[in-house]
Amino acid sequence: MVRWLAVAALLLDLTLLAVACGDPTHIYQGRAWIEGRQCLGTTSSVDVVEGDPPAQCGPTCLTQPHTDGGRAVYVSTMCAPYPFMFDAAGGDPQCAPALAALARDDTCNVDGTSSNPLPPADAAVE
């Protein structure tokens, strides 16, 4: 009888723990594309998504339209699931330069410069 009560108590504790914790979630991280400066912000949280933390994947461009007609553009190397209401198709015209900035690790600096800017368009090729 004591053994059965111990097992029942353990099962009740595990059930309560599972219900209390709910589904696992994690912070989806990315880097914001600063279109006017043609560089990326530092890594930050984009959203909290359901599921266990994913592995690293190839670079992805995520866009989210705003009600004012603008949009948020982020790049990330986290695998799906992607944040809700973000488009991961990569069809936005700002995805190509944002992904190129990620490839060269171009971070916007607070002084208005960036860490790895593109060379000027009029630079002579030697």
N, C-alpha and C. Protein backbone atom coordinates (compact mmCIF):
# COMPACT_ATOMS: atom_id res chain seq x y z
N MET A 1 0.82 -1.19 0.00
CA MET A 1 0.00 0.00 0.00
C MET A 1 0.87 1.26 0.00
N VAL A 2 1.92 1.26 0.80
CA VAL A 2 2.81 2.42 0.88
C VAL A 2 3.52 2.63 -0.46
N ARG A 3 3.92 1.52 -1.07
CA ARG A 3 4.60 1.61 -2.37
C ARG A 3 3.66 2.22 -3.41
N TRP A 4 2.41 1.78 -3.44
CA TRP A 4 1.44 2.31 -4.39
C TRP A 4 1.21 3.80 -4.16
N LEU A 5 1.14 4.25 -2.91
CA LEU A 5 0.96 5.67 -2.60
C LEU A 5 2.16 6.49 -3.05
N ALA A 6 3.35 5.93 -2.91
CA ALA A 6 4.56 6.62 -3.34
C ALA A 6 4.57 6.79 -4.86
N VAL A 7 4.18 5.73 -5.57
CA VAL A 7 4.12 5.80 -7.03
C VAL A 7 3.05 6.80 -7.46
N ALA A 8 1.88 6.77 -6.84
CA ALA A 8 0.81 7.71 -7.17
C ALA A 8 1.25 9.15 -6.91
N ALA A 9 1.94 9.39 -5.81
CA ALA A 9 2.42 10.73 -5.48
C ALA A 9 3.44 11.20 -6.51
N LEU A 10 4.32 10.30 -6.93
CA LEU A 10 5.32 10.65 -7.95
C LEU A 10 4.65 10.99 -9.27
N LEU A 11 3.67 10.20 -9.68
CA LEU A 11 2.95 10.47 -10.92
C LEU A 11 2.20 11.80 -10.84
N LEU A 12 1.62 12.10 -9.70
CA LEU A 12 0.92 13.37 -9.52
C LEU A 12 1.90 14.54 -9.61
N ASP A 13 3.07 14.39 -8.98
CA ASP A 13 4.09 15.45 -9.05
C ASP A 13 4.55 15.68 -10.49
N LEU A 14 4.78 14.60 -11.23
CA LEU A 14 5.22 14.74 -12.62
C LEU A 14 4.13 15.38 -13.48
N THR A 15 2.88 15.02 -13.25
CA THR A 15 1.77 15.61 -14.00
C THR A 15 1.66 17.10 -13.71
N LEU A 16 1.75 17.46 -12.45
CA LEU A 16 1.68 18.88 -12.09
C LEU A 16 2.84 19.66 -12.68
N LEU A 17 4.02 19.07 -12.67
CA LEU A 17 5.19 19.73 -13.25
C LEU A 17 5.00 19.95 -14.74
N ALA A 18 4.48 18.94 -15.44
CA ALA A 18 4.27 19.07 -16.88
C ALA A 18 3.22 20.13 -17.19
N VAL A 19 2.16 20.19 -16.42
CA VAL A 19 1.12 21.19 -16.64
C VAL A 19 1.62 22.58 -16.31
N ALA A 20 2.40 22.70 -15.24
CA ALA A 20 2.90 24.01 -14.81
C ALA A 20 3.87 24.60 -15.82
N CYS A 21 4.68 23.75 -16.42
CA CYS A 21 5.70 24.25 -17.35
C CYS A 21 5.12 24.56 -18.72
N GLY A 22 4.09 23.85 -19.15
CA GLY A 22 3.50 24.08 -20.47
C GLY A 22 4.45 23.67 -21.57
N ASP A 23 4.18 24.16 -22.78
CA ASP A 23 5.02 23.85 -23.92
C ASP A 23 6.33 24.61 -23.82
N PRO A 24 7.43 24.00 -24.29
CA PRO A 24 8.70 24.73 -24.26
C PRO A 24 8.68 25.90 -25.25
N THR A 25 9.32 26.97 -24.87
CA THR A 25 9.46 28.13 -25.75
C THR A 25 10.92 28.57 -25.73
N HIS A 26 11.28 29.38 -26.70
CA HIS A 26 12.63 29.94 -26.74
C HIS A 26 12.59 31.30 -27.44
N ILE A 27 13.62 32.04 -27.25
CA ILE A 27 13.74 33.34 -27.90
C ILE A 27 14.34 33.13 -29.28
N TYR A 28 13.63 33.61 -30.30
CA TYR A 28 14.16 33.58 -31.66
C TYR A 28 15.01 34.83 -31.84
N GLN A 29 16.28 34.64 -32.19
CA GLN A 29 17.21 35.75 -32.30
C GLN A 29 17.53 36.08 -33.75
N GLY A 30 17.76 37.34 -33.99
CA GLY A 30 18.14 37.79 -35.32
C GLY A 30 18.82 39.15 -35.24
N ARG A 31 19.16 39.67 -36.40
CA ARG A 31 19.80 40.99 -36.48
C ARG A 31 18.95 41.87 -37.38
N ALA A 32 18.56 43.02 -36.86
CA ALA A 32 17.72 43.95 -37.62
C ALA A 32 18.52 44.60 -38.74
N TRP A 33 17.91 44.70 -39.91
CA TRP A 33 18.49 45.39 -41.07
C TRP A 33 18.16 46.86 -40.95
N ILE A 34 19.18 47.69 -40.92
CA ILE A 34 19.00 49.14 -40.86
C ILE A 34 19.15 49.65 -42.30
N GLU A 35 18.03 49.75 -42.98
CA GLU A 35 18.04 50.02 -44.42
C GLU A 35 18.75 51.33 -44.76
N GLY A 36 18.49 52.38 -44.02
CA GLY A 36 19.09 53.68 -44.32
C GLY A 36 20.59 53.71 -44.18
N ARG A 37 21.14 52.79 -43.40
CA ARG A 37 22.59 52.74 -43.18
C ARG A 37 23.25 51.57 -43.88
N GLN A 38 22.43 50.65 -44.43
CA GLN A 38 22.92 49.48 -45.16
C GLN A 38 23.84 48.59 -44.30
N CYS A 39 23.44 48.40 -43.02
CA CYS A 39 24.17 47.51 -42.12
C CYS A 39 23.19 46.90 -41.13
N LEU A 40 23.68 46.03 -40.27
CA LEU A 40 22.83 45.29 -39.34
C LEU A 40 23.03 45.75 -37.90
N GLY A 41 21.96 45.65 -37.12
CA GLY A 41 22.07 45.85 -35.68
C GLY A 41 22.71 44.62 -35.06
N THR A 42 22.98 44.69 -33.77
CA THR A 42 23.54 43.54 -33.08
C THR A 42 22.44 42.50 -32.87
N THR A 43 22.82 41.30 -32.52
CA THR A 43 21.86 40.22 -32.30
C THR A 43 20.91 40.60 -31.17
N SER A 44 19.62 40.42 -31.42
CA SER A 44 18.60 40.74 -30.43
C SER A 44 17.45 39.75 -30.55
N SER A 45 16.51 39.85 -29.63
CA SER A 45 15.35 38.97 -29.69
C SER A 45 14.38 39.49 -30.74
N VAL A 46 13.87 38.60 -31.55
CA VAL A 46 12.86 38.94 -32.56
C VAL A 46 11.48 38.63 -32.00
N ASP A 47 11.36 37.47 -31.36
CA ASP A 47 10.07 37.04 -30.80
C ASP A 47 10.32 35.82 -29.93
N VAL A 48 9.32 35.42 -29.17
CA VAL A 48 9.35 34.17 -28.43
C VAL A 48 8.50 33.19 -29.21
N VAL A 49 9.08 32.04 -29.53
CA VAL A 49 8.36 31.04 -30.32
C VAL A 49 8.26 29.73 -29.55
N GLU A 50 7.26 28.94 -29.90
CA GLU A 50 7.05 27.65 -29.24
C GLU A 50 8.04 26.63 -29.78
N GLY A 51 8.39 25.70 -28.93
CA GLY A 51 9.28 24.62 -29.32
C GLY A 51 10.62 24.73 -28.64
N ASP A 52 11.38 23.66 -28.74
CA ASP A 52 12.73 23.65 -28.19
C ASP A 52 13.63 24.53 -29.05
N PRO A 53 14.70 25.07 -28.48
CA PRO A 53 15.62 25.88 -29.28
C PRO A 53 16.13 25.08 -30.48
N PRO A 54 16.07 25.67 -31.68
CA PRO A 54 16.49 24.95 -32.88
C PRO A 54 18.00 25.00 -33.06
N ALA A 55 18.45 24.21 -34.01
CA ALA A 55 19.86 24.22 -34.40
C ALA A 55 20.13 25.44 -35.28
N GLN A 56 21.38 25.59 -35.67
CA GLN A 56 21.75 26.66 -36.59
C GLN A 56 21.50 26.20 -38.02
N CYS A 57 21.00 27.10 -38.84
CA CYS A 57 20.73 26.83 -40.25
C CYS A 57 21.42 27.87 -41.11
N GLY A 58 21.21 27.77 -42.39
CA GLY A 58 21.73 28.77 -43.30
C GLY A 58 21.03 30.11 -43.06
N PRO A 59 21.60 31.20 -43.50
CA PRO A 59 21.00 32.52 -43.29
C PRO A 59 19.59 32.62 -43.88
N THR A 60 18.71 33.25 -43.11
CA THR A 60 17.32 33.44 -43.50
C THR A 60 16.96 34.91 -43.33
N CYS A 61 16.19 35.43 -44.26
CA CYS A 61 15.69 36.80 -44.17
C CYS A 61 14.22 36.72 -43.75
N LEU A 62 13.88 37.43 -42.69
CA LEU A 62 12.51 37.46 -42.16
C LEU A 62 11.96 38.87 -42.29
N THR A 63 10.77 38.99 -42.83
CA THR A 63 10.14 40.31 -42.95
C THR A 63 8.78 40.30 -42.29
N GLN A 64 8.43 41.44 -41.72
CA GLN A 64 7.13 41.60 -41.08
C GLN A 64 6.57 42.96 -41.48
N PRO A 65 5.43 42.97 -42.17
CA PRO A 65 4.84 44.25 -42.56
C PRO A 65 4.28 45.00 -41.35
N HIS A 66 4.36 46.31 -41.41
CA HIS A 66 3.77 47.18 -40.39
C HIS A 66 2.49 47.79 -40.95
N THR A 67 1.62 48.21 -40.08
CA THR A 67 0.36 48.80 -40.52
C THR A 67 0.55 50.12 -41.25
N ASP A 68 1.68 50.80 -41.03
CA ASP A 68 1.92 52.09 -41.68
C ASP A 68 2.53 51.94 -43.08
N GLY A 69 2.67 50.70 -43.54
CA GLY A 69 3.23 50.47 -44.87
C GLY A 69 4.69 50.09 -44.84
N GLY A 70 5.37 50.32 -43.74
CA GLY A 70 6.78 49.92 -43.62
C GLY A 70 6.87 48.45 -43.27
N ARG A 71 8.07 48.03 -42.93
CA ARG A 71 8.26 46.64 -42.54
C ARG A 71 9.53 46.51 -41.72
N ALA A 72 9.58 45.45 -40.94
CA ALA A 72 10.78 45.08 -40.21
C ALA A 72 11.48 43.99 -41.01
N VAL A 73 12.79 44.09 -41.12
CA VAL A 73 13.59 43.08 -41.82
C VAL A 73 14.66 42.60 -40.86
N TYR A 74 14.71 41.31 -40.66
CA TYR A 74 15.72 40.68 -39.80
C TYR A 74 16.41 39.58 -40.59
N VAL A 75 17.66 39.30 -40.23
CA VAL A 75 18.35 38.13 -40.76
C VAL A 75 18.75 37.27 -39.57
N SER A 76 18.76 35.98 -39.79
CA SER A 76 19.05 35.05 -38.70
C SER A 76 19.63 33.76 -39.25
N THR A 77 20.31 33.03 -38.39
CA THR A 77 20.80 31.70 -38.75
C THR A 77 20.14 30.64 -37.87
N MET A 78 19.06 30.99 -37.18
CA MET A 78 18.30 30.02 -36.40
C MET A 78 17.32 29.30 -37.33
N CYS A 79 17.18 28.00 -37.13
CA CYS A 79 16.23 27.21 -37.92
C CYS A 79 14.80 27.52 -37.50
N ALA A 80 13.86 27.03 -38.29
CA ALA A 80 12.43 27.15 -37.96
C ALA A 80 12.15 26.37 -36.67
N PRO A 81 11.10 26.69 -35.97
CA PRO A 81 9.97 27.51 -36.37
C PRO A 81 10.31 29.00 -36.31
N TYR A 82 9.82 29.73 -37.30
CA TYR A 82 10.05 31.17 -37.37
C TYR A 82 8.99 31.90 -36.56
N PRO A 83 9.28 33.13 -36.18
CA PRO A 83 8.30 33.91 -35.42
C PRO A 83 7.00 34.10 -36.20
N PHE A 84 5.89 34.13 -35.47
CA PHE A 84 4.57 34.33 -36.03
C PHE A 84 4.49 35.67 -36.74
N MET A 85 3.82 35.71 -37.86
CA MET A 85 3.61 36.92 -38.67
C MET A 85 4.88 37.41 -39.38
N PHE A 86 5.92 36.59 -39.45
CA PHE A 86 7.11 36.94 -40.22
C PHE A 86 7.14 36.06 -41.46
N ASP A 87 7.52 36.64 -42.59
CA ASP A 87 7.64 35.93 -43.85
C ASP A 87 9.09 35.52 -44.04
N ALA A 88 9.35 34.23 -44.19
CA ALA A 88 10.71 33.74 -44.36
C ALA A 88 11.01 33.35 -45.81
N ALA A 89 10.17 33.78 -46.76
CA ALA A 89 10.37 33.42 -48.17
C ALA A 89 11.56 34.13 -48.80
N GLY A 90 11.96 35.28 -48.26
CA GLY A 90 13.11 35.99 -48.79
C GLY A 90 12.85 36.80 -50.04
N GLY A 91 11.59 37.06 -50.37
CA GLY A 91 11.26 37.78 -51.59
C GLY A 91 11.30 39.29 -51.49
N ASP A 92 11.45 39.83 -50.30
CA ASP A 92 11.50 41.29 -50.14
C ASP A 92 12.78 41.83 -50.79
N PRO A 93 12.72 42.98 -51.47
CA PRO A 93 13.92 43.52 -52.11
C PRO A 93 15.05 43.85 -51.14
N GLN A 94 14.75 44.05 -49.86
CA GLN A 94 15.79 44.34 -48.89
C GLN A 94 16.48 43.09 -48.34
N CYS A 95 15.97 41.91 -48.69
CA CYS A 95 16.58 40.68 -48.20
C CYS A 95 17.99 40.47 -48.76
N ALA A 96 18.19 40.71 -50.03
CA ALA A 96 19.52 40.49 -50.64
C ALA A 96 20.59 41.36 -49.97
N PRO A 97 20.39 42.69 -49.83
CA PRO A 97 21.44 43.46 -49.17
C PRO A 97 21.58 43.12 -47.68
N ALA A 98 20.49 42.75 -47.03
CA ALA A 98 20.57 42.38 -45.61
C ALA A 98 21.37 41.09 -45.44
N LEU A 99 21.12 40.10 -46.30
CA LEU A 99 21.88 38.85 -46.23
C LEU A 99 23.35 39.07 -46.60
N ALA A 100 23.61 39.99 -47.53
CA ALA A 100 25.00 40.31 -47.89
C ALA A 100 25.71 40.96 -46.71
N ALA A 101 25.01 41.81 -45.97
CA ALA A 101 25.60 42.44 -44.78
C ALA A 101 25.89 41.39 -43.71
N LEU A 102 25.02 40.40 -43.59
CA LEU A 102 25.27 39.31 -42.64
C LEU A 102 26.50 38.52 -43.06
N ALA A 103 26.64 38.24 -44.35
CA ALA A 103 27.77 37.47 -44.85
C ALA A 103 29.10 38.17 -44.58
N ARG A 104 29.11 39.50 -44.64
CA ARG A 104 30.36 40.22 -44.38
C ARG A 104 30.45 40.70 -42.93
N ASP A 105 29.46 40.32 -42.11
CA ASP A 105 29.40 40.68 -40.69
C ASP A 105 29.50 42.19 -40.50
N ASP A 106 28.64 42.90 -41.21
CA ASP A 106 28.64 44.37 -41.18
C ASP A 106 27.65 44.86 -40.12
N THR A 107 28.18 45.31 -39.00
CA THR A 107 27.37 45.80 -37.88
C THR A 107 27.39 47.31 -37.86
N CYS A 108 26.22 47.93 -37.67
CA CYS A 108 26.12 49.38 -37.54
C CYS A 108 26.77 49.83 -36.22
N ASN A 109 27.65 50.79 -36.31
CA ASN A 109 28.28 51.37 -35.12
C ASN A 109 27.48 52.58 -34.65
N VAL A 110 27.60 52.94 -33.39
CA VAL A 110 26.84 54.07 -32.84
C VAL A 110 27.29 55.41 -33.43
N ASP A 111 28.50 55.48 -33.97
CA ASP A 111 28.99 56.75 -34.52
C ASP A 111 28.56 56.98 -35.97
N GLY A 112 27.69 56.10 -36.51
CA GLY A 112 27.21 56.27 -37.87
C GLY A 112 27.99 55.48 -38.90
N THR A 113 29.09 54.86 -38.51
CA THR A 113 29.86 54.02 -39.41
C THR A 113 29.39 52.57 -39.26
N SER A 114 30.05 51.67 -39.97
CA SER A 114 29.76 50.25 -39.78
C SER A 114 31.07 49.47 -39.79
N SER A 115 31.01 48.24 -39.30
CA SER A 115 32.23 47.46 -39.11
C SER A 115 32.85 46.95 -40.42
N ASN A 116 32.05 46.63 -41.41
CA ASN A 116 32.54 46.09 -42.69
C ASN A 116 31.69 46.61 -43.84
N PRO A 117 31.76 47.90 -44.11
CA PRO A 117 30.90 48.47 -45.15
C PRO A 117 31.30 48.00 -46.55
N LEU A 118 30.36 48.13 -47.46
CA LEU A 118 30.67 47.88 -48.86
C LEU A 118 31.65 48.94 -49.34
N PRO A 119 32.53 48.61 -50.26
CA PRO A 119 33.41 49.64 -50.82
C PRO A 119 32.58 50.65 -51.61
N PRO A 120 33.03 51.89 -51.69
CA PRO A 120 32.27 52.88 -52.46
C PRO A 120 32.08 52.42 -53.91
N ALA A 121 30.93 52.74 -54.46
CA ALA A 121 30.58 52.31 -55.81
C ALA A 121 31.53 52.87 -56.85
N ASP A 122 32.12 54.03 -56.59
CA ASP A 122 33.01 54.66 -57.58
C ASP A 122 34.48 54.31 -57.34
N ALA A 123 34.76 53.33 -56.46
CA ALA A 123 36.14 52.95 -56.19
C ALA A 123 36.72 52.29 -57.44
N ALA A 124 37.93 52.66 -57.77
CA ALA A 124 38.60 52.10 -58.95
C ALA A 124 39.01 50.67 -58.68
N VAL A 125 38.82 49.82 -59.67
CA VAL A 125 39.24 48.42 -59.57
C VAL A 125 40.63 48.32 -60.15
N GLU A 126 41.53 47.76 -59.35
CA GLU A 126 42.93 47.67 -59.83
C GLU A 126 43.25 46.30 -60.32
